[in-house]
């Protein structure tokens, strides 16, 4: 890891890189309603690294942590490398989430 992070990003170790680039440093600064999404089969961020997301939603009432069975990483791309789908899985999920929020708001006000 020293070779990759030292040459490319200027870090001496993976731990130094993660310390400086992890969302955990700034997550608690978020004040807007937030939806955090991860997949059980994410090869980069396995579920056991999601403790900061769990802690965040416990302490922020306008937040939600969604853990899907499948999805992978990086916006849940669909299709293949040469011809990816223009609308990704995460795009669809955000629209469904917004629709549900609007429906809930309308139900409560009606």
N, C-alpha and C. Protein backbone atom coordinates (compact mmCIF):
# COMPACT_ATOMS: atom_id res chain seq x y z
N UNK A 1 0.81 -1.19 0.00
CA UNK A 1 0.00 0.00 0.00
C UNK A 1 0.86 1.26 0.00
N UNK A 2 2.01 1.21 0.61
CA UNK A 2 2.88 2.38 0.64
C UNK A 2 3.20 2.84 -0.77
N UNK A 3 3.43 1.91 -1.68
CA UNK A 3 3.76 2.26 -3.05
C UNK A 3 2.61 3.01 -3.72
N UNK A 4 1.41 2.48 -3.63
CA UNK A 4 0.26 3.10 -4.29
C UNK A 4 -0.03 4.47 -3.69
N UNK A 5 -0.22 4.52 -2.39
CA UNK A 5 -0.63 5.77 -1.75
C UNK A 5 0.52 6.76 -1.63
N UNK A 6 1.72 6.25 -1.49
CA UNK A 6 2.87 7.15 -1.40
C UNK A 6 3.14 7.89 -2.69
N UNK A 7 3.13 7.17 -3.79
CA UNK A 7 3.42 7.80 -5.08
C UNK A 7 2.26 8.60 -5.63
N UNK A 8 1.08 8.02 -5.59
CA UNK A 8 -0.07 8.65 -6.23
C UNK A 8 -0.69 9.74 -5.36
N UNK A 9 -0.94 9.43 -4.11
CA UNK A 9 -1.68 10.36 -3.26
C UNK A 9 -0.83 11.03 -2.18
N UNK A 10 0.41 10.62 -2.05
CA UNK A 10 1.29 11.26 -1.08
C UNK A 10 1.13 10.79 0.35
N UNK A 11 0.59 9.58 0.55
CA UNK A 11 0.40 9.05 1.89
C UNK A 11 1.40 7.94 2.17
N UNK A 12 1.79 7.83 3.43
CA UNK A 12 2.73 6.80 3.83
C UNK A 12 2.06 5.44 4.04
N UNK A 13 0.76 5.45 4.32
CA UNK A 13 0.07 4.18 4.57
C UNK A 13 -1.41 4.31 4.24
N UNK A 14 -2.06 3.17 4.15
CA UNK A 14 -3.50 3.14 3.92
C UNK A 14 -4.23 3.78 5.10
N UNK A 15 -3.75 3.55 6.31
CA UNK A 15 -4.36 4.14 7.51
C UNK A 15 -4.34 5.66 7.42
N UNK A 16 -3.21 6.24 7.01
CA UNK A 16 -3.12 7.70 6.86
C UNK A 16 -4.10 8.20 5.81
N UNK A 17 -4.20 7.49 4.69
CA UNK A 17 -5.12 7.86 3.63
C UNK A 17 -6.56 7.83 4.13
N UNK A 18 -6.96 6.75 4.78
CA UNK A 18 -8.32 6.62 5.27
C UNK A 18 -8.63 7.66 6.34
N UNK A 19 -7.68 7.96 7.20
CA UNK A 19 -7.89 8.97 8.23
C UNK A 19 -8.23 10.32 7.60
N UNK A 20 -7.52 10.69 6.55
CA UNK A 20 -7.72 11.99 5.93
C UNK A 20 -8.89 12.03 4.96
N UNK A 21 -9.34 10.89 4.45
CA UNK A 21 -10.36 10.89 3.41
C UNK A 21 -11.67 10.22 3.80
N UNK A 22 -11.78 9.78 5.00
CA UNK A 22 -13.00 9.12 5.46
C UNK A 22 -14.09 10.16 5.76
N UNK A 23 -15.32 9.78 5.50
CA UNK A 23 -16.45 10.66 5.81
C UNK A 23 -16.64 10.83 7.31
N UNK A 24 -16.05 9.98 8.11
CA UNK A 24 -16.25 10.06 9.56
C UNK A 24 -15.78 11.39 10.15
N UNK A 25 -14.87 12.05 9.47
CA UNK A 25 -14.38 13.35 9.96
C UNK A 25 -15.44 14.44 9.84
N UNK A 26 -16.35 14.32 8.88
CA UNK A 26 -17.30 15.40 8.62
C UNK A 26 -18.77 14.96 8.70
N UNK A 27 -19.02 13.70 8.89
CA UNK A 27 -20.38 13.19 8.87
C UNK A 27 -21.30 13.92 9.84
N UNK A 28 -20.83 14.18 11.04
CA UNK A 28 -21.68 14.85 12.04
C UNK A 28 -21.92 16.32 11.75
N UNK A 29 -21.29 16.87 10.73
CA UNK A 29 -21.55 18.26 10.33
C UNK A 29 -22.78 18.37 9.43
N UNK A 30 -23.31 17.24 8.98
CA UNK A 30 -24.48 17.25 8.10
C UNK A 30 -25.72 17.60 8.92
N UNK A 31 -26.46 18.60 8.44
CA UNK A 31 -27.68 19.01 9.14
C UNK A 31 -28.94 18.80 8.30
N UNK A 32 -28.79 18.51 7.03
CA UNK A 32 -29.94 18.28 6.15
C UNK A 32 -30.43 16.84 6.28
N UNK A 33 -31.70 16.57 5.95
CA UNK A 33 -32.14 15.17 5.91
C UNK A 33 -31.23 14.37 4.98
N UNK A 34 -30.85 13.20 5.43
CA UNK A 34 -29.82 12.44 4.73
C UNK A 34 -30.20 10.97 4.62
N UNK A 35 -29.96 10.40 3.44
CA UNK A 35 -30.12 8.97 3.24
C UNK A 35 -28.75 8.38 2.89
N UNK A 36 -28.26 7.48 3.71
CA UNK A 36 -27.00 6.79 3.48
C UNK A 36 -27.33 5.41 2.92
N UNK A 37 -26.66 5.02 1.84
CA UNK A 37 -26.97 3.77 1.16
C UNK A 37 -25.71 2.92 1.01
N UNK A 38 -25.84 1.64 1.30
CA UNK A 38 -24.76 0.69 1.05
C UNK A 38 -25.39 -0.65 0.68
N UNK A 39 -24.59 -1.51 0.07
CA UNK A 39 -25.06 -2.84 -0.31
C UNK A 39 -24.26 -3.90 0.44
N UNK A 40 -24.93 -4.97 0.79
CA UNK A 40 -24.25 -6.07 1.48
C UNK A 40 -23.11 -6.65 0.66
N UNK A 41 -23.24 -6.60 -0.67
CA UNK A 41 -22.19 -7.16 -1.51
C UNK A 41 -21.20 -6.11 -2.03
N UNK A 42 -21.13 -4.96 -1.37
CA UNK A 42 -20.17 -3.92 -1.74
C UNK A 42 -18.76 -4.43 -1.46
N UNK A 43 -17.93 -4.54 -2.48
CA UNK A 43 -16.58 -5.08 -2.26
C UNK A 43 -15.62 -4.07 -1.63
N UNK A 44 -15.97 -2.81 -1.63
CA UNK A 44 -15.09 -1.77 -1.09
C UNK A 44 -15.46 -1.41 0.35
N UNK A 45 -16.75 -1.32 0.64
CA UNK A 45 -17.22 -0.95 1.97
C UNK A 45 -18.12 -2.06 2.51
N UNK A 46 -17.52 -3.05 3.17
CA UNK A 46 -18.33 -4.13 3.73
C UNK A 46 -19.19 -3.62 4.90
N UNK A 47 -20.22 -4.35 5.22
CA UNK A 47 -21.18 -3.91 6.24
C UNK A 47 -20.53 -3.59 7.58
N UNK A 48 -19.48 -4.33 7.96
CA UNK A 48 -18.87 -4.06 9.27
C UNK A 48 -18.17 -2.70 9.33
N UNK A 49 -17.98 -2.04 8.18
CA UNK A 49 -17.43 -0.69 8.18
C UNK A 49 -18.51 0.39 8.21
N UNK A 50 -19.76 -0.03 8.31
CA UNK A 50 -20.88 0.91 8.29
C UNK A 50 -21.32 1.36 9.68
N UNK A 51 -20.51 1.09 10.69
CA UNK A 51 -20.90 1.48 12.05
C UNK A 51 -21.08 2.99 12.17
N UNK A 52 -20.29 3.77 11.43
CA UNK A 52 -20.45 5.22 11.49
C UNK A 52 -21.80 5.64 10.91
N UNK A 53 -22.29 4.93 9.91
CA UNK A 53 -23.61 5.22 9.35
C UNK A 53 -24.70 4.89 10.36
N UNK A 54 -24.57 3.75 11.02
CA UNK A 54 -25.54 3.37 12.05
C UNK A 54 -25.56 4.39 13.17
N UNK A 55 -24.38 4.81 13.62
CA UNK A 55 -24.29 5.81 14.68
C UNK A 55 -24.91 7.14 14.24
N UNK A 56 -24.66 7.51 13.00
CA UNK A 56 -25.20 8.78 12.48
C UNK A 56 -26.73 8.78 12.53
N UNK A 57 -27.38 7.72 12.04
CA UNK A 57 -28.85 7.71 12.01
C UNK A 57 -29.45 7.63 13.42
N UNK A 58 -28.73 7.05 14.36
CA UNK A 58 -29.21 7.03 15.74
C UNK A 58 -29.26 8.43 16.34
N UNK A 59 -28.34 9.28 15.90
CA UNK A 59 -28.22 10.63 16.48
C UNK A 59 -28.79 11.75 15.62
N UNK A 60 -29.35 11.42 14.46
CA UNK A 60 -29.91 12.42 13.56
C UNK A 60 -31.29 11.94 13.10
N UNK A 61 -32.33 12.54 13.65
CA UNK A 61 -33.69 12.03 13.41
C UNK A 61 -34.14 12.13 11.96
N UNK A 62 -33.58 13.02 11.18
CA UNK A 62 -33.96 13.16 9.77
C UNK A 62 -33.00 12.42 8.86
N UNK A 63 -32.57 11.24 9.30
CA UNK A 63 -31.63 10.46 8.50
C UNK A 63 -32.10 9.02 8.41
N UNK A 64 -31.57 8.35 7.40
CA UNK A 64 -31.98 6.97 7.12
C UNK A 64 -30.77 6.23 6.57
N UNK A 65 -30.56 5.02 7.06
CA UNK A 65 -29.51 4.16 6.52
C UNK A 65 -30.18 3.00 5.82
N UNK A 66 -29.90 2.82 4.53
CA UNK A 66 -30.49 1.76 3.72
C UNK A 66 -29.39 0.78 3.35
N UNK A 67 -29.59 -0.48 3.70
CA UNK A 67 -28.64 -1.53 3.34
C UNK A 67 -29.37 -2.51 2.43
N UNK A 68 -28.96 -2.54 1.17
CA UNK A 68 -29.59 -3.43 0.20
C UNK A 68 -28.82 -4.76 0.13
N UNK A 69 -29.46 -5.79 -0.33
CA UNK A 69 -28.78 -7.09 -0.49
C UNK A 69 -27.72 -7.02 -1.57
N UNK A 70 -28.05 -6.39 -2.69
CA UNK A 70 -27.14 -6.32 -3.83
C UNK A 70 -27.00 -4.88 -4.30
N UNK A 71 -25.91 -4.62 -4.98
CA UNK A 71 -25.73 -3.29 -5.53
C UNK A 71 -24.29 -2.97 -5.85
N UNK A 72 -23.37 -3.58 -5.15
CA UNK A 72 -21.97 -3.30 -5.46
C UNK A 72 -21.50 -1.99 -4.87
N UNK A 73 -20.87 -1.16 -5.71
CA UNK A 73 -20.24 0.07 -5.23
C UNK A 73 -20.37 1.17 -6.29
N UNK A 74 -20.14 2.38 -5.91
CA UNK A 74 -20.09 3.54 -6.82
C UNK A 74 -21.39 3.81 -7.56
N UNK A 75 -22.46 4.00 -6.83
CA UNK A 75 -23.71 4.39 -7.46
C UNK A 75 -24.47 3.26 -8.11
N UNK A 76 -24.06 2.02 -7.90
CA UNK A 76 -24.81 0.88 -8.37
C UNK A 76 -25.02 0.93 -9.88
N UNK A 77 -23.92 1.03 -10.60
CA UNK A 77 -23.99 1.09 -12.06
C UNK A 77 -24.64 -0.17 -12.62
N UNK A 78 -25.38 0.02 -13.70
CA UNK A 78 -26.04 -1.09 -14.38
C UNK A 78 -25.54 -1.15 -15.81
N UNK A 79 -25.68 -2.30 -16.43
CA UNK A 79 -25.20 -2.47 -17.79
C UNK A 79 -23.78 -3.01 -17.76
N UNK A 80 -22.99 -2.60 -18.75
CA UNK A 80 -21.60 -3.05 -18.79
C UNK A 80 -20.67 -1.86 -19.00
N UNK A 81 -19.39 -2.11 -19.05
CA UNK A 81 -18.42 -1.02 -19.15
C UNK A 81 -18.54 -0.22 -20.45
N UNK A 82 -18.84 -0.89 -21.53
CA UNK A 82 -18.93 -0.19 -22.81
C UNK A 82 -20.26 0.54 -22.99
N UNK A 83 -21.33 -0.04 -22.47
CA UNK A 83 -22.66 0.54 -22.64
C UNK A 83 -23.42 0.55 -21.31
N UNK A 84 -22.99 1.39 -20.37
CA UNK A 84 -23.72 1.43 -19.09
C UNK A 84 -25.09 2.07 -19.28
N UNK A 85 -26.01 1.68 -18.44
CA UNK A 85 -27.34 2.28 -18.47
C UNK A 85 -27.20 3.75 -18.04
N UNK A 86 -27.88 4.68 -18.73
CA UNK A 86 -27.75 6.09 -18.38
C UNK A 86 -28.37 6.44 -17.03
N UNK A 87 -29.39 5.67 -16.62
CA UNK A 87 -30.00 5.89 -15.32
C UNK A 87 -29.58 4.73 -14.43
N UNK A 88 -28.86 5.03 -13.36
CA UNK A 88 -28.33 3.99 -12.48
C UNK A 88 -29.36 3.58 -11.43
N UNK A 89 -29.03 2.52 -10.71
CA UNK A 89 -29.87 2.02 -9.64
C UNK A 89 -30.06 3.11 -8.59
N UNK A 90 -29.02 3.83 -8.26
CA UNK A 90 -29.12 4.86 -7.21
C UNK A 90 -30.01 6.01 -7.67
N UNK A 91 -29.97 6.34 -8.97
CA UNK A 91 -30.88 7.37 -9.49
C UNK A 91 -32.33 6.97 -9.24
N UNK A 92 -32.65 5.72 -9.55
CA UNK A 92 -34.01 5.22 -9.36
C UNK A 92 -34.40 5.22 -7.88
N UNK A 93 -33.45 4.85 -7.02
CA UNK A 93 -33.74 4.80 -5.59
C UNK A 93 -34.01 6.20 -5.04
N UNK A 94 -33.24 7.17 -5.46
CA UNK A 94 -33.44 8.54 -4.99
C UNK A 94 -34.82 9.05 -5.40
N UNK A 95 -35.24 8.77 -6.62
CA UNK A 95 -36.56 9.18 -7.09
C UNK A 95 -37.65 8.50 -6.25
N UNK A 96 -37.51 7.20 -6.00
CA UNK A 96 -38.49 6.49 -5.17
C UNK A 96 -38.54 7.05 -3.76
N UNK A 97 -37.39 7.38 -3.21
CA UNK A 97 -37.32 7.96 -1.86
C UNK A 97 -38.03 9.31 -1.83
N UNK A 98 -37.75 10.15 -2.82
CA UNK A 98 -38.39 11.47 -2.87
C UNK A 98 -39.89 11.35 -3.04
N UNK A 99 -40.33 10.42 -3.88
CA UNK A 99 -41.76 10.17 -4.05
C UNK A 99 -42.40 9.77 -2.72
N UNK A 100 -41.73 8.90 -1.97
CA UNK A 100 -42.26 8.44 -0.69
C UNK A 100 -42.34 9.59 0.31
N UNK A 101 -41.35 10.46 0.33
CA UNK A 101 -41.36 11.62 1.23
C UNK A 101 -42.52 12.55 0.88
N UNK A 102 -42.71 12.82 -0.41
CA UNK A 102 -43.81 13.67 -0.85
C UNK A 102 -45.16 13.03 -0.49
N UNK A 103 -45.31 11.74 -0.75
CA UNK A 103 -46.55 11.04 -0.41
C UNK A 103 -46.83 11.11 1.09
N UNK A 104 -45.81 10.93 1.91
CA UNK A 104 -45.96 11.00 3.36
C UNK A 104 -46.39 12.41 3.78
N UNK A 105 -45.76 13.40 3.20
CA UNK A 105 -46.10 14.79 3.51
C UNK A 105 -47.54 15.09 3.13
N UNK A 106 -47.97 14.63 1.95
CA UNK A 106 -49.34 14.85 1.50
C UNK A 106 -50.35 14.12 2.40
N UNK A 107 -50.00 12.92 2.82
CA UNK A 107 -50.87 12.14 3.69
C UNK A 107 -51.04 12.84 5.03
N UNK A 108 -49.96 13.36 5.58
CA UNK A 108 -50.02 14.03 6.88
C UNK A 108 -50.77 15.34 6.81
N UNK A 109 -50.69 16.05 5.67
CA UNK A 109 -51.34 17.35 5.55
C UNK A 109 -52.78 17.23 5.08
N UNK A 110 -53.16 16.07 4.52
CA UNK A 110 -54.50 15.90 3.95
C UNK A 110 -55.43 15.32 4.91
